[in-house]
Amino acid sequence: MDENIMSSAQACKEWGIDDSALRKRVNQFPPGTIRKFGKTWVVTSEGMCRVFGEKRRNGK
């Protein structure tokens, strides 16, 4: 399993955002950094950083 690929739920938790924020910005992800499998969005760390910036550290 590649540590740079994660479910949208995991990504939202790590970035400290609501899952609806991710869904609203799906079209802003660079090509190849987000994909839908069934009902689940799968994203890369690169895509998350491009759209939402760096991960929050310790709730900041």
PDB file of N, CA and C in Angstrom:
ATOM      1  N   MET A   1       0.846  -1.185   0.000  1.00  0.00           N
ATOM      2  CA  MET A   1       0.000   0.000   0.000  1.00  0.00           C
ATOM      3  C   MET A   1       0.885   1.240   0.000  1.00  0.00           C
ATOM      4  N   ASP A   2       0.609   2.142  -0.893  1.00  0.00           N
ATOM      5  CA  ASP A   2       1.366   3.386  -1.005  1.00  0.00           C
ATOM      6  C   ASP A   2       0.892   4.367   0.057  1.00  0.00           C
ATOM      7  N   GLU A   3       1.805   4.887   0.849  1.00  0.00           N
ATOM      8  CA  GLU A   3       1.418   5.812   1.924  1.00  0.00           C
ATOM      9  C   GLU A   3       0.971   7.169   1.402  1.00  0.00           C
ATOM     10  N   ASN A   4       1.200   7.443   0.121  1.00  0.00           N
ATOM     11  CA  ASN A   4       0.778   8.711  -0.464  1.00  0.00           C
ATOM     12  C   ASN A   4      -0.642   8.659  -0.997  1.00  0.00           C
ATOM     13  N   ILE A   5      -1.259   7.473  -1.003  1.00  0.00           N
ATOM     14  CA  ILE A   5      -2.628   7.303  -1.465  1.00  0.00           C
ATOM     15  C   ILE A   5      -3.499   6.968  -0.266  1.00  0.00           C
ATOM     16  N   MET A   6      -4.648   7.653  -0.156  1.00  0.00           N
ATOM     17  CA  MET A   6      -5.522   7.429   1.005  1.00  0.00           C
ATOM     18  C   MET A   6      -6.968   7.674   0.630  1.00  0.00           C
ATOM     19  N   SER A   7      -7.857   7.176   1.467  1.00  0.00           N
ATOM     20  CA  SER A   7      -9.278   7.447   1.266  1.00  0.00           C
ATOM     21  C   SER A   7      -9.539   8.911   1.587  1.00  0.00           C
ATOM     22  N   SER A   8     -10.639   9.416   1.086  1.00  0.00           N
ATOM     23  CA  SER A   8     -10.984  10.806   1.388  1.00  0.00           C
ATOM     24  C   SER A   8     -11.221  10.994   2.880  1.00  0.00           C
ATOM     25  N   ALA A   9     -11.790   9.976   3.540  1.00  0.00           N
ATOM     26  CA  ALA A   9     -12.034  10.082   4.983  1.00  0.00           C
ATOM     27  C   ALA A   9     -10.723  10.229   5.750  1.00  0.00           C
ATOM     28  N   GLN A  10      -9.731   9.426   5.385  1.00  0.00           N
ATOM     29  CA  GLN A  10      -8.425   9.514   6.039  1.00  0.00           C
ATOM     30  C   GLN A  10      -7.764  10.858   5.739  1.00  0.00           C
ATOM     31  N   ALA A  11      -7.838  11.301   4.491  1.00  0.00           N
ATOM     32  CA  ALA A  11      -7.231  12.573   4.103  1.00  0.00           C
ATOM     33  C   ALA A  11      -7.871  13.736   4.856  1.00  0.00           C
ATOM     34  N   CYS A  12      -9.187  13.723   4.955  1.00  0.00           N
ATOM     35  CA  CYS A  12      -9.889  14.795   5.655  1.00  0.00           C
ATOM     36  C   CYS A  12      -9.482  14.831   7.126  1.00  0.00           C
ATOM     37  N   LYS A  13      -9.331  13.683   7.726  1.00  0.00           N
ATOM     38  CA  LYS A  13      -8.910  13.617   9.123  1.00  0.00           C
ATOM     39  C   LYS A  13      -7.498  14.187   9.280  1.00  0.00           C
ATOM     40  N   GLU A  14      -6.594  13.792   8.388  1.00  0.00           N
ATOM     41  CA  GLU A  14      -5.206  14.253   8.476  1.00  0.00           C
ATOM     42  C   GLU A  14      -5.066  15.748   8.199  1.00  0.00           C
ATOM     43  N   TRP A  15      -5.905  16.284   7.326  1.00  0.00           N
ATOM     44  CA  TRP A  15      -5.835  17.710   6.987  1.00  0.00           C
ATOM     45  C   TRP A  15      -6.740  18.565   7.869  1.00  0.00           C
ATOM     46  N   GLY A  16      -7.556  17.918   8.681  1.00  0.00           N
ATOM     47  CA  GLY A  16      -8.424  18.656   9.589  1.00  0.00           C
ATOM     48  C   GLY A  16      -9.542  19.404   8.877  1.00  0.00           C
ATOM     49  N   ILE A  17     -10.090  18.784   7.828  1.00  0.00           N
ATOM     50  CA  ILE A  17     -11.180  19.413   7.086  1.00  0.00           C
ATOM     51  C   ILE A  17     -12.402  18.498   7.103  1.00  0.00           C
ATOM     52  N   ASP A  18     -13.542  19.055   6.767  1.00  0.00           N
ATOM     53  CA  ASP A  18     -14.771  18.284   6.666  1.00  0.00           C
ATOM     54  C   ASP A  18     -14.811  17.597   5.304  1.00  0.00           C
ATOM     55  N   ASP A  19     -15.404  16.408   5.250  1.00  0.00           N
ATOM     56  CA  ASP A  19     -15.448  15.682   3.985  1.00  0.00           C
ATOM     57  C   ASP A  19     -16.214  16.436   2.900  1.00  0.00           C
ATOM     58  N   SER A  20     -17.164  17.266   3.281  1.00  0.00           N
ATOM     59  CA  SER A  20     -17.899  18.037   2.273  1.00  0.00           C
ATOM     60  C   SER A  20     -16.986  19.069   1.603  1.00  0.00           C
ATOM     61  N   ALA A  21     -15.984  19.568   2.315  1.00  0.00           N
ATOM     62  CA  ALA A  21     -15.042  20.524   1.731  1.00  0.00           C
ATOM     63  C   ALA A  21     -14.261  19.864   0.601  1.00  0.00           C
ATOM     64  N   LEU A  22     -13.882  18.616   0.807  1.00  0.00           N
ATOM     65  CA  LEU A  22     -13.155  17.896  -0.235  1.00  0.00           C
ATOM     66  C   LEU A  22     -14.056  17.672  -1.445  1.00  0.00           C
ATOM     67  N   ARG A  23     -15.261  17.213  -1.225  1.00  0.00           N
ATOM     68  CA  ARG A  23     -16.185  16.947  -2.338  1.00  0.00           C
ATOM     69  C   ARG A  23     -16.480  18.205  -3.152  1.00  0.00           C
ATOM     70  N   LYS A  24     -16.558  19.342  -2.489  1.00  0.00           N
ATOM     71  CA  LYS A  24     -16.847  20.601  -3.181  1.00  0.00           C
ATOM     72  C   LYS A  24     -15.689  21.055  -4.070  1.00  0.00           C
ATOM     73  N   ARG A  25     -14.478  20.556  -3.771  1.00  0.00           N
ATOM     74  CA  ARG A  25     -13.299  21.026  -4.503  1.00  0.00           C
ATOM     75  C   ARG A  25     -12.662  19.958  -5.388  1.00  0.00           C
ATOM     76  N   VAL A  26     -13.395  18.902  -5.671  1.00  0.00           N
ATOM     77  CA  VAL A  26     -12.883  17.797  -6.487  1.00  0.00           C
ATOM     78  C   VAL A  26     -12.307  18.301  -7.805  1.00  0.00           C
ATOM     79  N   ASN A  27     -12.950  19.267  -8.438  1.00  0.00           N
ATOM     80  CA  ASN A  27     -12.489  19.763  -9.739  1.00  0.00           C
ATOM     81  C   ASN A  27     -11.200  20.572  -9.668  1.00  0.00           C
ATOM     82  N   GLN A  28     -10.749  20.923  -8.466  1.00  0.00           N
ATOM     83  CA  GLN A  28      -9.519  21.692  -8.315  1.00  0.00           C
ATOM     84  C   GLN A  28      -8.283  20.806  -8.192  1.00  0.00           C
ATOM     85  N   PHE A  29      -8.479  19.490  -8.026  1.00  0.00           N
ATOM     86  CA  PHE A  29      -7.343  18.580  -7.901  1.00  0.00           C
ATOM     87  C   PHE A  29      -6.648  18.419  -9.245  1.00  0.00           C
ATOM     88  N   PRO A  30      -5.322  18.380  -9.246  1.00  0.00           N
ATOM     89  CA  PRO A  30      -4.600  18.136 -10.499  1.00  0.00           C
ATOM     90  C   PRO A  30      -4.954  16.754 -11.064  1.00  0.00           C
ATOM     91  N   PRO A  31      -4.902  16.607 -12.370  1.00  0.00           N
ATOM     92  CA  PRO A  31      -5.209  15.310 -12.979  1.00  0.00           C
ATOM     93  C   PRO A  31      -4.370  14.191 -12.352  1.00  0.00           C
ATOM     94  N   GLY A  32      -5.024  13.077 -12.076  1.00  0.00           N
ATOM     95  CA  GLY A  32      -4.330  11.914 -11.533  1.00  0.00           C
ATOM     96  C   GLY A  32      -4.153  11.904 -10.027  1.00  0.00           C
ATOM     97  N   THR A  33      -4.659  12.931  -9.322  1.00  0.00           N
ATOM     98  CA  THR A  33      -4.466  12.986  -7.868  1.00  0.00           C
ATOM     99  C   THR A  33      -5.727  12.653  -7.093  1.00  0.00           C
ATOM    100  N   ILE A  34      -6.845  12.423  -7.779  1.00  0.00           N
ATOM    101  CA  ILE A  34      -8.090  12.044  -7.123  1.00  0.00           C
ATOM    102  C   ILE A  34      -8.885  11.160  -8.081  1.00  0.00           C
ATOM    103  N   ARG A  35      -9.538  10.165  -7.496  1.00  0.00           N
ATOM    104  CA  ARG A  35     -10.334   9.248  -8.304  1.00  0.00           C
ATOM    105  C   ARG A  35     -11.432   8.644  -7.449  1.00  0.00           C
ATOM    106  N   LYS A  36     -12.548   8.358  -8.057  1.00  0.00           N
ATOM    107  CA  LYS A  36     -13.663   7.771  -7.319  1.00  0.00           C
ATOM    108  C   LYS A  36     -13.732   6.279  -7.620  1.00  0.00           C
ATOM    109  N   PHE A  37     -13.756   5.460  -6.567  1.00  0.00           N
ATOM    110  CA  PHE A  37     -13.928   4.019  -6.672  1.00  0.00           C
ATOM    111  C   PHE A  37     -15.239   3.679  -5.979  1.00  0.00           C
ATOM    112  N   GLY A  38     -16.245   3.370  -6.744  1.00  0.00           N
ATOM    113  CA  GLY A  38     -17.557   3.124  -6.157  1.00  0.00           C
ATOM    114  C   GLY A  38     -18.077   4.406  -5.546  1.00  0.00           C
ATOM    115  N   LYS A  39     -18.289   4.396  -4.242  1.00  0.00           N
ATOM    116  CA  LYS A  39     -18.764   5.588  -3.532  1.00  0.00           C
ATOM    117  C   LYS A  39     -17.647   6.314  -2.800  1.00  0.00           C
ATOM    118  N   THR A  40     -16.426   5.822  -2.905  1.00  0.00           N
ATOM    119  CA  THR A  40     -15.299   6.359  -2.139  1.00  0.00           C
ATOM    120  C   THR A  40     -14.331   7.122  -3.026  1.00  0.00           C
ATOM    121  N   TRP A  41     -13.989   8.341  -2.605  1.00  0.00           N
ATOM    122  CA  TRP A  41     -12.944   9.100  -3.276  1.00  0.00           C
ATOM    123  C   TRP A  41     -11.603   8.663  -2.715  1.00  0.00           C
ATOM    124  N   VAL A  42     -10.614   8.498  -3.587  1.00  0.00           N
ATOM    125  CA  VAL A  42      -9.252   8.157  -3.203  1.00  0.00           C
ATOM    126  C   VAL A  42      -8.374   9.299  -3.693  1.00  0.00           C
ATOM    127  N   VAL A  43      -7.524   9.806  -2.807  1.00  0.00           N
ATOM    128  CA  VAL A  43      -6.709  10.979  -3.138  1.00  0.00           C
ATOM    129  C   VAL A  43      -5.243  10.708  -2.823  1.00  0.00           C
ATOM    130  N   THR A  44      -4.382  11.519  -3.413  1.00  0.00           N
ATOM    131  CA  THR A  44      -2.960  11.447  -3.100  1.00  0.00           C
ATOM    132  C   THR A  44      -2.589  12.602  -2.172  1.00  0.00           C
ATOM    133  N   SER A  45      -1.500  12.426  -1.475  1.00  0.00           N
ATOM    134  CA  SER A  45      -0.995  13.502  -0.611  1.00  0.00           C
ATOM    135  C   SER A  45      -0.678  14.743  -1.440  1.00  0.00           C
ATOM    136  N   GLU A  46      -0.137  14.535  -2.627  1.00  0.00           N
ATOM    137  CA  GLU A  46       0.196  15.664  -3.508  1.00  0.00           C
ATOM    138  C   GLU A  46      -1.051  16.475  -3.844  1.00  0.00           C
ATOM    139  N   GLY A  47      -2.126  15.784  -4.201  1.00  0.00           N
ATOM    140  CA  GLY A  47      -3.372  16.473  -4.529  1.00  0.00           C
ATOM    141  C   GLY A  47      -3.911  17.256  -3.350  1.00  0.00           C
ATOM    142  N   MET A  48      -3.874  16.648  -2.175  1.00  0.00           N
ATOM    143  CA  MET A  48      -4.364  17.330  -0.973  1.00  0.00           C
ATOM    144  C   MET A  48      -3.527  18.579  -0.687  1.00  0.00           C
ATOM    145  N   CYS A  49      -2.225  18.472  -0.829  1.00  0.00           N
ATOM    146  CA  CYS A  49      -1.359  19.634  -0.581  1.00  0.00           C
ATOM    147  C   CYS A  49      -1.624  20.745  -1.587  1.00  0.00           C
ATOM    148  N   ARG A  50      -1.853  20.384  -2.834  1.00  0.00           N
ATOM    149  CA  ARG A  50      -2.120  21.387  -3.861  1.00  0.00           C
ATOM    150  C   ARG A  50      -3.416  22.135  -3.604  1.00  0.00           C
ATOM    151  N   VAL A  51      -4.438  21.414  -3.137  1.00  0.00           N
ATOM    152  CA  VAL A  51      -5.752  22.027  -2.959  1.00  0.00           C
ATOM    153  C   VAL A  51      -5.917  22.647  -1.574  1.00  0.00           C
ATOM    154  N   PHE A  52      -5.424  21.975  -0.528  1.00  0.00           N
ATOM    155  CA  PHE A  52      -5.669  22.421   0.847  1.00  0.00           C
ATOM    156  C   PHE A  52      -4.419  22.884   1.595  1.00  0.00           C
ATOM    157  N   GLY A  53      -3.254  22.807   0.979  1.00  0.00           N
ATOM    158  CA  GLY A  53      -2.027  23.201   1.664  1.00  0.00           C
ATOM    159  C   GLY A  53      -1.487  22.054   2.503  1.00  0.00           C
ATOM    160  N   GLU A  54      -0.492  22.349   3.288  1.00  0.00           N
ATOM    161  CA  GLU A  54       0.154  21.322   4.116  1.00  0.00           C
ATOM    162  C   GLU A  54      -0.787  20.797   5.183  1.00  0.00           C
ATOM    163  N   LYS A  55      -0.495  19.576   5.637  1.00  0.00           N
ATOM    164  CA  LYS A  55      -1.271  18.973   6.731  1.00  0.00           C
ATOM    165  C   LYS A  55      -1.181  19.839   7.966  1.00  0.00           C
ATOM    166  N   ARG A  56      -2.236  19.804   8.751  1.00  0.00           N
ATOM    167  CA  ARG A  56      -2.210  20.487  10.046  1.00  0.00           C
ATOM    168  C   ARG A  56      -1.387  19.658  11.012  1.00  0.00           C
ATOM    169  N   ARG A  57      -0.573  20.309  11.773  1.00  0.00           N
ATOM    170  CA  ARG A  57       0.256  19.617  12.754  1.00  0.00           C
ATOM    171  C   ARG A  57      -0.311  19.864  14.142  1.00  0.00           C
ATOM    172  N   ASN A  58      -0.606  18.800  14.864  1.00  0.00           N
ATOM    173  CA  ASN A  58      -1.111  18.906  16.241  1.00  0.00           C
ATOM    174  C   ASN A  58      -2.312  19.834  16.370  1.00  0.00           C
ATOM    175  N   GLY A  59      -3.239  19.717  15.419  1.00  0.00           N
ATOM    176  CA  GLY A  59      -4.469  20.510  15.504  1.00  0.00           C
ATOM    177  C   GLY A  59      -4.333  21.977  15.148  1.00  0.00           C
ATOM    178  N   LYS A  60      -3.201  22.373  14.596  1.00  0.00           N
ATOM    179  CA  LYS A  60      -2.971  23.780  14.234  1.00  0.00           C
ATOM    180  C   LYS A  60      -3.198  24.002  12.767  1.00  0.00           C
TER     181      LYS A  60
END
